[in-house]
Amino acid sequence: MARPVEVIERWWALLETGELDRLVEVTTADADIVMPGGMRFTGPVELRPMLEAYRRAFPTMRHRVVCAVEEGNMAAVELRVDVEHSGEFVTPMGSIPASGNRFVIESCDVVRVTDDGRIASWHTYLDMATMMSNMGVVAPA
């Protein structure tokens, strides 16, 4: 069985290089993916439009794992993603024009992988208010 953090790193490598078609290699078709704001997706096909929106808005994004705790087929991972908001960010609540701002998206993700090394669930927790402030949408808190 692949270690969960290894699978997470493969997933991020595919996202960062724009190889979204290959996410099916590391994600089950019925994976439960939960994002802030109540967004929930089943599998990489449903998730793809959101990932494409992130790639357009932050095409040079680069992640780093700050720390990770693994237990069996589960991992809790603290991530920092360096981004430059250089493209329009299309969200369910409307579009956010490029601000040109550079900032870090911090998140804590809880991921479960299958015995064959594919993501079965991924729950992301991050501070969307800070992210929106960094894009100039809302005033800093």
Protein backbone atom coordinates (compact mmCIF):
# COMPACT_ATOMS: atom_id res chain seq x y z
CA MET A 1 0.00 0.00 0.00
CA ALA A 2 1.28 3.46 -0.90
CA ARG A 3 1.68 5.83 2.01
CA PRO A 4 -1.09 8.47 2.04
CA VAL A 5 1.39 11.38 1.88
CA GLU A 6 3.01 9.86 -1.23
CA VAL A 7 -0.41 9.71 -2.91
CA ILE A 8 -1.14 13.32 -1.88
CA GLU A 9 2.19 14.43 -3.37
CA ARG A 10 1.39 12.63 -6.66
CA TRP A 11 -2.03 14.33 -6.75
CA TRP A 12 -0.48 17.78 -6.21
CA ALA A 13 2.17 17.13 -8.87
CA LEU A 14 -0.58 16.43 -11.41
CA LEU A 15 -2.51 19.56 -10.39
CA GLU A 16 0.53 21.82 -10.50
CA THR A 17 1.58 20.59 -13.95
CA GLY A 18 -1.98 20.84 -15.27
CA GLU A 19 -2.28 17.10 -15.93
CA LEU A 20 -5.89 17.02 -14.73
CA ASP A 21 -6.81 14.13 -17.04
CA ARG A 22 -4.43 11.95 -15.01
CA LEU A 23 -6.14 12.63 -11.67
CA VAL A 24 -8.25 9.54 -12.34
CA GLU A 25 -5.03 7.53 -11.81
CA VAL A 26 -4.80 8.65 -8.17
CA THR A 27 -8.45 9.26 -7.27
CA THR A 28 -11.34 6.80 -7.10
CA ALA A 29 -14.36 7.53 -9.28
CA ASP A 30 -16.53 7.84 -6.16
CA ALA A 31 -14.07 9.76 -3.96
CA ASP A 32 -15.78 12.04 -1.44
CA ILE A 33 -14.21 15.48 -1.79
CA VAL A 34 -15.32 18.23 0.60
CA MET A 35 -14.21 21.85 0.31
CA PRO A 36 -14.97 24.96 2.38
CA GLY A 37 -18.32 26.63 1.88
CA GLY A 38 -20.23 23.36 1.71
CA MET A 39 -18.85 22.37 -1.70
CA ARG A 40 -18.91 18.61 -2.12
CA PHE A 41 -17.79 16.61 -5.14
CA THR A 42 -17.84 12.94 -6.06
CA GLY A 43 -14.70 11.85 -7.88
CA PRO A 44 -12.23 13.66 -10.10
CA VAL A 45 -14.71 14.27 -12.93
CA GLU A 46 -16.99 16.39 -10.72
CA LEU A 47 -14.01 18.09 -9.08
CA ARG A 48 -12.30 19.05 -12.35
CA PRO A 49 -14.16 22.34 -13.05
CA MET A 50 -13.13 23.67 -9.63
CA LEU A 51 -9.52 22.62 -10.20
CA GLU A 52 -9.55 24.27 -13.62
CA ALA A 53 -10.76 27.49 -11.95
CA TYR A 54 -7.85 27.32 -9.49
CA ARG A 55 -5.37 26.65 -12.34
CA ARG A 56 -6.66 29.67 -14.30
CA ALA A 57 -6.53 31.96 -11.28
CA PHE A 58 -3.24 30.66 -9.84
CA PRO A 59 -1.33 29.03 -12.73
CA THR A 60 2.03 29.03 -10.94
CA MET A 61 0.76 27.57 -7.64
CA ARG A 62 3.26 25.48 -5.71
CA HIS A 63 2.47 23.52 -2.57
CA ARG A 64 4.59 22.35 0.30
CA VAL A 65 3.70 19.96 3.08
CA VAL A 66 4.44 21.65 6.42
CA CYS A 67 3.66 18.58 8.48
CA ALA A 68 1.76 15.35 8.14
CA VAL A 69 0.42 12.71 10.47
CA GLU A 70 -0.26 9.30 8.97
CA GLU A 71 -2.22 6.48 10.54
CA GLY A 72 -2.83 3.47 8.33
CA ASN A 73 -4.59 4.65 5.18
CA MET A 74 -5.31 8.15 6.55
CA ALA A 75 -3.27 11.35 6.67
CA ALA A 76 -3.83 14.79 8.14
CA VAL A 77 -1.67 17.22 6.20
CA GLU A 78 -0.91 20.88 6.84
CA LEU A 79 -0.27 22.55 3.49
CA ARG A 80 0.97 25.92 2.33
CA VAL A 81 0.33 26.80 -1.29
CA ASP A 82 2.25 29.74 -2.75
CA VAL A 83 0.14 31.51 -5.37
CA GLU A 84 0.01 34.60 -7.52
CA HIS A 85 -3.54 35.65 -8.39
CA SER A 86 -2.75 36.31 -12.05
CA GLY A 87 -5.97 35.08 -13.65
CA GLU A 88 -9.70 35.44 -13.16
CA PHE A 89 -11.00 33.23 -10.35
CA VAL A 90 -14.43 31.84 -11.22
CA THR A 91 -16.38 30.82 -8.11
CA PRO A 92 -19.98 29.68 -7.52
CA MET A 93 -20.67 33.21 -6.23
CA GLY A 94 -19.16 35.04 -9.20
CA SER A 95 -15.84 35.87 -10.80
CA ILE A 96 -12.93 37.61 -9.11
CA PRO A 97 -10.63 39.50 -11.49
CA ALA A 98 -6.89 38.95 -11.20
CA SER A 99 -5.39 41.09 -8.45
CA GLY A 100 -1.74 40.32 -9.15
CA ASN A 101 -1.31 39.67 -5.42
CA ARG A 102 1.07 36.99 -4.18
CA PHE A 103 0.07 35.15 -1.03
CA VAL A 104 -0.02 31.80 0.71
CA ILE A 105 -3.11 29.62 1.03
CA GLU A 106 -2.87 27.59 4.23
CA SER A 107 -4.98 24.51 4.67
CA CYS A 108 -5.35 21.37 6.71
CA ASP A 109 -6.51 18.37 4.73
CA VAL A 110 -7.69 14.97 5.90
CA VAL A 111 -7.19 12.32 3.22
CA ARG A 112 -8.02 8.61 3.07
CA VAL A 113 -6.47 6.37 0.42
CA THR A 114 -7.33 2.90 -0.80
CA ASP A 115 -5.03 -0.11 -0.59
CA ASP A 116 -4.16 0.39 -4.27
CA GLY A 117 -2.96 3.96 -3.61
CA ARG A 118 -5.89 6.10 -4.76
CA ILE A 119 -7.67 8.87 -2.92
CA ALA A 120 -11.04 7.77 -1.53
CA SER A 121 -11.80 10.94 0.43
CA TRP A 122 -10.27 14.39 0.79
CA HIS A 123 -11.65 16.98 3.20
CA THR A 124 -10.06 20.44 3.04
CA TYR A 125 -10.25 23.04 5.79
CA LEU A 126 -9.00 26.56 5.08
CA ASP A 127 -9.74 30.17 5.95
CA MET A 128 -11.67 31.45 2.92
CA ALA A 129 -12.06 34.94 4.44
CA THR A 130 -8.28 35.41 4.49
CA MET A 131 -8.01 34.06 0.94
CA MET A 132 -10.69 36.51 -0.26
CA SER A 133 -8.93 39.36 1.56
CA ASN A 134 -5.65 38.44 -0.14
CA MET A 135 -7.39 38.70 -3.53
CA GLY A 136 -8.73 42.14 -2.60
CA VAL A 137 -12.37 41.04 -2.42
CA VAL A 138 -12.91 41.92 1.24
CA ALA A 139 -11.02 44.19 3.64
CA PRO A 140 -8.44 42.50 5.85
CA ALA A 141 -9.78 41.44 9.23
